[in-house]
Amino acid sequence: MSFTDALFSLLPMQALVAALVLITLVGWRGDNAGGRWAQGGMLALALGLAFASPTVGERLGAPHGLLSLGAGVISAGLSALWWALCLWLSPRPGRWLMAAAPLALVTGHALLGRDRDAAQTLADVVLGAQLVWLGVALTMPGRSSVVQGLNSRRWRLLGLAAVLPLLAAMLCRAVVTEFGTPSALPDLLLALTGQLALLLALPMLLLAWRGQIEAELARLAQTDGLTGLIDREAFAKRSVDLISMARRYDEPLALMVLDLDEFDTLQAERDIDFADRALALFGSCVQAQMRLGDLAGRLAGHQFGVLMARCQPEGPQALDQRLRAALAERAPAELGVPLTFSAGWAKLRPGDRNIADLQRRADTALYEAQRAGRSQLMAEPGVAD
């Protein structure tokens, strides 16, 4: 066995070890879809590389069907790794192409019959195209840092360091096979870059998984566990971006503050569990009725806020009507009692320094709504100015 064949023969074992390490450290159960796709991808790579291994080929006489199957399983492994990246970063275009690539490769490889050079070139081109799309997925913008995790740049660069040399070696072998003089050098380069890719793939996947866990912990730390909305501190931090955007593009922005009516009485007459259910229901209605792009949070015990971007004067009134209708429908059915709320709103003014200035005027409007008999919406004085 040559040195190159020995390197190729080690690749299945490396992929299998990486898959076992991922299964041991990441686990198979729980809310971890990205980790499971990564584990499945490494297992598929191990199986496909074993089918295509020179050792297996010599032992079984390298039947063409086995080589076709091996190429297809390797392609499926790359598709699974690409899908894991989509779950860790954000959805990427091309999922149908990545899903169809393994089947197309197996079919094309099998149809070429005994023309080993053409079949190998086809495999190199298809797998190279999948590596290109993996590289694109690693370089495209992802979600916000809260969702994306703390180590995104680090593991993305590690992934590119694994993908790019392997891609170059694979395309080099395809070109030499098709147009150049037969040489052992392209196979040697492919074996070496394959070893490098698998060595870097494991820490890359572990860092990506850890980034997802860190992001989830950060999200939970900023989320009110009862209602699922962000808490007061996170609301204030995220409002900075919306306020900055409104000022930059001279767009209207409004803050609507909502408070459940007679909540203290409800809590005294019922148990704490019932009051928590009422808050959770109200938070769910707020989340369901607010517009896409708005920011909603729980500001205090039974007080909620909605920061409405590009909000025209009729926007708070429209949200108020939708929310009252949803609450009137759901509260009697789910709690057995009706729920109402009072609300006040204020618009962003040139002198406002931050969300606190805006909220003070919205709170004043809310107080006026409560004084006027509750279960209504009031605007800050001079809102039409």
Protein backbone atom coordinates (compact mmCIF):
# COMPACT_ATOMS: atom_id res chain seq x y z
CA MET A 1 0.00 0.00 0.00
CA SER A 2 1.35 3.41 -0.99
CA PHE A 3 1.61 6.37 1.37
CA THR A 4 -1.31 8.06 -0.41
CA ASP A 5 -3.49 4.97 -0.07
CA ALA A 6 -2.61 4.79 3.61
CA LEU A 7 -3.74 8.38 4.10
CA PHE A 8 -7.03 7.69 2.32
CA SER A 9 -7.53 4.56 4.43
CA LEU A 10 -7.25 6.63 7.64
CA LEU A 11 -9.97 9.07 6.61
CA PRO A 12 -12.98 6.83 7.50
CA MET A 13 -11.55 6.19 10.96
CA GLN A 14 -10.99 9.92 11.54
CA ALA A 15 -14.55 10.74 10.49
CA LEU A 16 -15.94 7.97 12.71
CA VAL A 17 -13.93 9.18 15.71
CA ALA A 18 -15.16 12.74 15.10
CA ALA A 19 -18.76 11.49 14.96
CA LEU A 20 -18.36 9.54 18.20
CA VAL A 21 -16.81 12.56 19.95
CA LEU A 22 -19.74 14.71 18.79
CA ILE A 23 -22.27 12.16 20.01
CA THR A 24 -20.49 11.86 23.38
CA LEU A 25 -20.08 15.60 24.03
CA VAL A 26 -23.12 17.05 22.29
CA GLY A 27 -25.58 14.23 22.93
CA TRP A 28 -28.30 12.93 20.68
CA ARG A 29 -31.47 14.00 22.46
CA GLY A 30 -32.94 17.35 23.40
CA ASP A 31 -33.38 20.56 21.43
CA ASN A 32 -30.23 20.13 19.41
CA ALA A 33 -31.16 19.69 15.76
CA GLY A 34 -27.94 21.28 14.50
CA GLY A 35 -25.83 18.91 16.56
CA ARG A 36 -27.75 15.88 15.29
CA TRP A 37 -27.29 16.94 11.66
CA ALA A 38 -23.56 17.41 12.30
CA GLN A 39 -23.31 13.97 13.90
CA GLY A 40 -25.23 12.39 11.03
CA GLY A 41 -23.01 14.18 8.54
CA MET A 42 -19.81 12.86 10.10
CA LEU A 43 -21.23 9.33 10.31
CA ALA A 44 -22.19 9.52 6.63
CA LEU A 45 -18.71 10.75 5.73
CA ALA A 46 -17.17 7.87 7.66
CA LEU A 47 -19.36 5.32 5.85
CA GLY A 48 -18.87 6.87 2.42
CA LEU A 49 -15.12 7.18 2.83
CA ALA A 50 -14.99 3.54 3.93
CA PHE A 51 -16.80 2.45 0.75
CA ALA A 52 -14.39 4.50 -1.36
CA SER A 53 -11.29 3.47 0.59
CA PRO A 54 -8.47 1.85 -1.44
CA THR A 55 -8.28 -0.93 1.17
CA VAL A 56 -11.94 -1.85 0.63
CA GLY A 57 -11.47 -1.55 -3.12
CA GLU A 58 -8.55 -3.98 -3.17
CA ARG A 59 -10.38 -6.45 -0.93
CA LEU A 60 -13.64 -6.42 -2.91
CA GLY A 61 -12.24 -5.81 -6.36
CA ALA A 62 -13.56 -2.21 -6.28
CA PRO A 63 -17.06 -2.96 -7.66
CA HIS A 64 -18.39 0.10 -9.43
CA GLY A 65 -21.69 0.03 -7.56
CA LEU A 66 -19.86 0.26 -4.23
CA LEU A 67 -17.83 3.24 -5.43
CA SER A 68 -21.03 4.95 -6.62
CA LEU A 69 -22.67 4.33 -3.27
CA GLY A 70 -19.62 5.66 -1.44
CA ALA A 71 -19.60 8.87 -3.49
CA GLY A 72 -23.31 9.37 -2.82
CA VAL A 73 -22.96 8.81 0.92
CA ILE A 74 -20.06 11.28 1.08
CA SER A 75 -22.25 13.78 -0.74
CA ALA A 76 -25.06 13.13 1.75
CA GLY A 77 -22.62 13.78 4.59
CA LEU A 78 -21.67 17.17 3.14
CA SER A 79 -25.35 18.02 2.72
CA ALA A 80 -26.00 17.15 6.36
CA LEU A 81 -23.13 19.36 7.51
CA TRP A 82 -24.49 22.19 5.37
CA TRP A 83 -27.90 21.75 6.99
CA ALA A 84 -26.30 21.95 10.44
CA LEU A 85 -24.76 25.29 9.46
CA CYS A 86 -28.20 26.53 8.37
CA LEU A 87 -29.60 25.70 11.80
CA TRP A 88 -26.71 27.32 13.65
CA LEU A 89 -26.53 30.49 11.55
CA SER A 90 -29.72 31.12 9.57
CA PRO A 91 -31.48 29.48 6.61
CA ARG A 92 -29.34 29.53 3.47
CA PRO A 93 -30.53 29.32 -0.15
CA GLY A 94 -29.99 26.09 -2.07
CA ARG A 95 -31.43 23.45 0.24
CA TRP A 96 -33.11 21.60 -2.65
CA LEU A 97 -29.85 21.49 -4.59
CA MET A 98 -27.98 20.16 -1.56
CA ALA A 99 -30.73 17.58 -1.00
CA ALA A 100 -30.64 16.46 -4.65
CA ALA A 101 -26.83 16.34 -4.97
CA PRO A 102 -26.34 12.85 -3.40
CA LEU A 103 -28.98 11.24 -5.59
CA ALA A 104 -27.69 12.99 -8.72
CA LEU A 105 -24.12 11.92 -7.94
CA VAL A 106 -25.03 8.26 -7.36
CA THR A 107 -27.08 8.15 -10.56
CA GLY A 108 -24.46 9.87 -12.71
CA HIS A 109 -21.61 7.84 -11.22
CA ALA A 110 -23.47 4.59 -11.89
CA LEU A 111 -24.42 5.53 -15.45
CA LEU A 112 -20.80 6.18 -16.37
CA GLY A 113 -20.19 2.47 -15.89
CA ARG A 114 -16.57 1.41 -16.10
CA ASP A 115 -15.20 4.77 -17.22
CA ARG A 116 -13.45 5.29 -13.90
CA ASP A 117 -11.79 8.58 -14.87
CA ALA A 118 -15.06 10.19 -15.95
CA ALA A 119 -16.85 8.89 -12.85
CA GLN A 120 -14.09 10.23 -10.61
CA THR A 121 -14.20 13.61 -12.36
CA LEU A 122 -17.98 13.76 -11.88
CA ALA A 123 -17.60 12.97 -8.19
CA ASP A 124 -14.90 15.61 -7.76
CA VAL A 125 -17.01 18.26 -9.50
CA VAL A 126 -20.21 17.53 -7.56
CA LEU A 127 -18.45 17.26 -4.21
CA GLY A 128 -16.44 20.37 -5.05
CA ALA A 129 -19.66 22.27 -5.77
CA GLN A 130 -21.01 21.20 -2.38
CA LEU A 131 -17.81 22.38 -0.71
CA VAL A 132 -18.22 25.73 -2.47
CA TRP A 133 -21.73 26.03 -1.05
CA LEU A 134 -20.45 25.09 2.40
CA GLY A 135 -17.91 27.90 2.09
CA VAL A 136 -20.64 30.30 0.98
CA ALA A 137 -22.76 29.32 3.98
CA LEU A 138 -19.81 30.08 6.27
CA THR A 139 -19.29 33.55 4.80
CA MET A 140 -22.89 34.75 4.47
CA PRO A 141 -24.29 37.02 7.21
CA GLY A 142 -26.07 35.17 10.00
CA ARG A 143 -28.53 36.08 12.71
CA SER A 144 -27.95 38.71 15.35
CA SER A 145 -25.20 38.10 17.91
CA VAL A 146 -27.78 37.13 20.54
CA VAL A 147 -28.88 34.19 18.43
CA GLN A 148 -25.66 33.46 16.64
CA GLY A 149 -23.45 32.96 19.67
CA LEU A 150 -20.16 34.37 20.82
CA ASN A 151 -17.69 32.34 18.73
CA SER A 152 -19.22 32.61 15.27
CA ARG A 153 -16.27 34.32 13.59
CA ARG A 154 -13.81 31.90 15.13
CA TRP A 155 -15.51 28.71 14.04
CA ARG A 156 -16.44 30.13 10.65
CA LEU A 157 -12.77 30.82 9.92
CA LEU A 158 -11.90 27.34 11.12
CA GLY A 159 -14.52 25.91 8.77
CA LEU A 160 -13.14 27.88 5.83
CA ALA A 161 -9.64 26.64 6.67
CA ALA A 162 -11.00 23.09 6.41
CA VAL A 163 -13.07 23.60 3.25
CA LEU A 164 -10.89 25.75 0.97
CA PRO A 165 -7.71 23.58 0.75
CA LEU A 166 -9.85 20.47 0.24
CA LEU A 167 -11.83 22.23 -2.49
CA ALA A 168 -8.66 23.33 -4.27
CA ALA A 169 -7.18 19.81 -4.15
CA MET A 170 -10.42 18.23 -5.38
CA LEU A 171 -10.76 20.59 -8.34
CA CYS A 172 -7.06 20.16 -9.12
CA ARG A 173 -7.52 16.39 -9.33
CA ALA A 174 -10.59 16.82 -11.54
CA VAL A 175 -8.68 19.06 -13.97
CA VAL A 176 -5.61 16.78 -14.09
CA THR A 177 -7.75 13.68 -14.56
CA GLU A 178 -9.71 15.24 -17.41
CA PHE A 179 -7.06 17.26 -19.22
CA GLY A 180 -3.59 16.58 -17.81
CA THR A 181 -0.96 13.88 -17.66
CA PRO A 182 -1.69 11.11 -15.13
CA SER A 183 0.11 11.84 -11.87
CA ALA A 184 0.06 10.70 -8.26
CA LEU A 185 0.47 14.24 -6.93
CA PRO A 186 -3.24 15.28 -7.09
CA ASP A 187 -4.26 12.18 -5.12
CA LEU A 188 -1.59 12.91 -2.52
CA LEU A 189 -2.75 16.53 -2.18
CA LEU A 190 -6.36 15.38 -1.85
CA ALA A 191 -5.44 12.84 0.84
CA LEU A 192 -3.46 15.46 2.81
CA THR A 193 -6.15 18.14 2.58
CA GLY A 194 -8.77 15.52 3.50
CA GLN A 195 -6.81 14.73 6.65
CA LEU A 196 -6.58 18.46 7.42
CA ALA A 197 -10.29 19.00 6.80
CA LEU A 198 -11.32 16.24 9.20
CA LEU A 199 -8.86 17.45 11.83
CA LEU A 200 -10.34 20.95 11.67
CA ALA A 201 -13.97 19.85 11.27
CA LEU A 202 -14.28 18.45 14.78
CA PRO A 203 -13.22 21.60 16.70
CA MET A 204 -15.24 23.69 14.24
CA LEU A 205 -18.43 21.72 14.94
CA LEU A 206 -17.82 21.74 18.68
CA LEU A 207 -17.28 25.51 18.69
CA ALA A 208 -20.43 26.00 16.61
CA TRP A 209 -22.44 23.87 19.02
CA ARG A 210 -21.01 25.73 22.02
CA GLY A 211 -21.87 29.03 20.36
CA GLN A 212 -25.46 27.86 19.96
CA ILE A 213 -25.62 26.88 23.64
CA GLU A 214 -24.15 30.23 24.70
CA ALA A 215 -26.64 32.05 22.49
CA GLU A 216 -29.55 30.10 23.96
CA LEU A 217 -28.37 30.85 27.51
CA ALA A 218 -28.02 34.54 26.62
CA ARG A 219 -31.51 34.55 25.14
CA LEU A 220 -32.98 32.85 28.22
CA ALA A 221 -31.17 35.33 30.48
CA GLN A 222 -32.96 38.17 28.66
CA THR A 223 -36.36 36.48 28.48
CA ASP A 224 -39.15 36.57 31.02
CA GLY A 225 -39.78 32.94 31.83
CA LEU A 226 -43.51 33.38 32.44
CA THR A 227 -44.58 35.22 29.29
CA GLY A 228 -41.77 34.42 26.86
CA LEU A 229 -41.24 38.13 26.16
CA ILE A 230 -37.96 39.91 26.79
CA ASP A 231 -37.48 41.55 30.17
CA ARG A 232 -37.20 45.26 30.99
CA GLU A 233 -33.41 45.41 30.69
CA ALA A 234 -33.33 43.65 27.33
CA PHE A 235 -36.21 45.83 26.12
CA ALA A 236 -34.21 48.97 26.95
CA LYS A 237 -31.08 47.64 25.22
CA ARG A 238 -32.86 46.62 22.04
CA SER A 239 -34.83 49.84 21.89
CA VAL A 240 -31.58 51.70 21.22
CA ASP A 241 -31.36 50.22 17.71
CA LEU A 242 -34.99 51.03 16.88
CA ILE A 243 -34.65 54.59 18.14
CA SER A 244 -31.40 55.09 16.24
CA MET A 245 -32.98 53.74 13.05
CA ALA A 246 -36.01 56.01 13.45
CA ARG A 247 -33.80 59.07 13.91
CA ARG A 248 -31.48 58.18 11.02
CA TYR A 249 -34.30 57.76 8.50
CA ASP A 250 -36.68 60.29 10.09
CA GLU A 251 -39.35 57.65 10.65
CA PRO A 252 -42.16 57.75 13.26
CA LEU A 253 -41.75 55.58 16.35
CA ALA A 254 -44.24 55.02 19.16
CA LEU A 255 -44.18 53.29 22.54
CA MET A 256 -47.37 51.70 23.81
CA VAL A 257 -47.53 50.73 27.51
CA LEU A 258 -50.22 48.23 28.57
CA ASP A 259 -51.39 47.26 32.05
CA LEU A 260 -53.85 44.53 33.04
CA ASP A 261 -56.85 46.05 34.83
CA GLU A 262 -57.56 45.11 38.45
CA PHE A 263 -54.68 42.62 38.46
CA ASP A 264 -54.01 43.02 42.20
CA THR A 265 -57.66 42.25 42.94
CA LEU A 266 -57.54 39.26 40.62
CA GLN A 267 -54.42 38.00 42.36
CA ALA A 268 -55.99 38.44 45.81
CA GLU A 269 -59.23 36.68 44.88
CA ARG A 270 -57.54 33.83 43.00
CA ASP A 271 -54.31 31.96 43.63
CA ILE A 272 -50.88 32.90 42.32
CA ASP A 273 -51.01 30.18 39.69
CA PHE A 274 -54.15 31.71 38.19
CA ALA A 275 -52.54 35.17 38.12
CA ASP A 276 -49.49 33.73 36.38
CA ARG A 277 -51.73 32.09 33.78
CA ALA A 278 -53.43 35.43 33.20
CA LEU A 279 -50.07 37.14 32.65
CA ALA A 280 -48.91 34.37 30.32
CA LEU A 281 -52.15 34.66 28.32
CA PHE A 282 -51.83 38.43 28.03
CA GLY A 283 -48.18 38.13 26.97
CA SER A 284 -49.18 35.55 24.35
CA CYS A 285 -51.86 37.89 22.97
CA VAL A 286 -49.39 40.78 22.79
CA GLN A 287 -46.87 38.63 20.94
CA ALA A 288 -49.50 37.34 18.51
CA GLN A 289 -51.04 40.73 17.68
CA MET A 290 -48.00 42.97 17.40
CA ARG A 291 -46.59 43.66 13.94
CA LEU A 292 -43.50 41.98 12.55
CA GLY A 293 -40.55 44.23 13.35
CA ASP A 294 -42.03 45.68 16.54
CA LEU A 295 -40.46 45.05 19.94
CA ALA A 296 -42.52 43.73 22.86
CA GLY A 297 -41.40 43.14 26.43
CA ARG A 298 -42.57 42.75 30.02
CA LEU A 299 -41.64 46.01 31.75
CA ALA A 300 -42.90 45.26 35.27
CA GLY A 301 -45.17 42.86 37.13
CA HIS A 302 -48.30 43.27 35.01
CA GLN A 303 -47.11 46.03 32.69
CA PHE A 304 -46.03 45.39 29.12
CA GLY A 305 -44.54 47.57 26.42
CA VAL A 306 -44.62 47.52 22.62
CA LEU A 307 -42.19 49.71 20.68
CA MET A 308 -43.72 50.26 17.26
CA ALA A 309 -41.40 51.07 14.36
CA ARG A 310 -42.65 53.18 11.40
CA CYS A 311 -45.80 53.79 13.42
CA GLN A 312 -48.45 56.12 12.04
CA PRO A 313 -50.88 57.83 14.48
CA GLU A 314 -53.50 55.14 13.87
CA GLY A 315 -51.06 52.32 14.64
CA PRO A 316 -51.55 52.15 18.45
CA GLN A 317 -55.32 52.29 18.02
CA ALA A 318 -55.21 49.39 15.56
CA LEU A 319 -53.04 47.28 17.88
CA ASP A 320 -55.29 48.14 20.82
CA GLN A 321 -58.37 46.92 18.93
CA ARG A 322 -56.72 43.69 17.81
CA LEU A 323 -55.43 42.97 21.28
CA ARG A 324 -58.78 43.62 22.96
CA ALA A 325 -60.55 41.35 20.50
CA ALA A 326 -58.03 38.55 21.02
CA LEU A 327 -58.19 38.89 24.82
CA ALA A 328 -62.01 38.96 24.82
CA GLU A 329 -62.00 35.72 22.84
CA ARG A 330 -59.26 33.82 24.65
CA ALA A 331 -59.59 34.84 28.32
CA PRO A 332 -63.10 33.44 28.97
CA ALA A 333 -62.26 30.26 27.08
CA GLU A 334 -58.88 29.63 28.72
CA LEU A 335 -59.28 31.24 32.16
CA GLY A 336 -63.03 31.30 32.68
CA VAL A 337 -63.03 35.05 33.39
CA PRO A 338 -62.75 38.11 31.14
CA LEU A 339 -59.61 40.24 31.17
CA THR A 340 -59.24 43.88 30.20
CA PHE A 341 -56.33 46.27 30.05
CA SER A 342 -55.57 49.96 29.99
CA ALA A 343 -52.99 51.45 27.66
CA GLY A 344 -51.17 54.68 26.94
CA TRP A 345 -48.88 55.63 24.13
CA ALA A 346 -46.38 58.30 23.19
CA LYS A 347 -44.42 59.08 20.07
CA LEU A 348 -40.70 59.68 19.75
CA ARG A 349 -39.84 63.38 19.92
CA PRO A 350 -36.63 65.21 18.96
CA GLY A 351 -35.70 65.87 22.61
CA ASP A 352 -35.97 62.24 23.75
CA ARG A 353 -32.60 60.91 24.89
CA ASN A 354 -33.61 57.26 25.27
CA ILE A 355 -36.52 54.91 25.87
CA ALA A 356 -36.93 56.23 29.44
CA ASP A 357 -38.01 59.67 28.20
CA LEU A 358 -40.52 58.09 25.84
CA GLN A 359 -41.82 55.76 28.53
CA ARG A 360 -42.43 58.56 31.02
CA ARG A 361 -44.95 60.18 28.69
CA ALA A 362 -46.52 56.82 27.79
CA ASP A 363 -46.88 56.04 31.52
CA THR A 364 -48.60 59.40 32.01
CA ALA A 365 -51.05 58.55 29.25
CA LEU A 366 -51.62 55.11 30.84
CA TYR A 367 -52.35 56.76 34.19
CA GLU A 368 -54.91 59.01 32.52
CA ALA A 369 -56.57 55.97 30.93
CA GLN A 370 -56.82 54.29 34.32
CA ARG A 371 -58.22 57.45 35.93
CA ALA A 372 -60.80 57.75 33.16
CA GLY A 373 -62.29 54.35 34.00
CA ARG A 374 -59.78 51.80 32.70
CA SER A 375 -60.13 49.45 29.71
CA GLN A 376 -59.21 52.12 27.19
CA LEU A 377 -56.31 53.63 25.26
CA MET A 378 -55.07 57.18 25.82
CA ALA A 379 -52.43 59.13 23.92
CA GLU A 380 -49.91 61.52 25.41
CA PRO A 381 -50.96 65.20 25.31
CA GLY A 382 -50.11 66.92 22.05
CA VAL A 383 -49.49 63.66 20.15
CA ALA A 384 -50.92 65.20 17.00
CA ASP A 385 -48.30 67.98 17.04
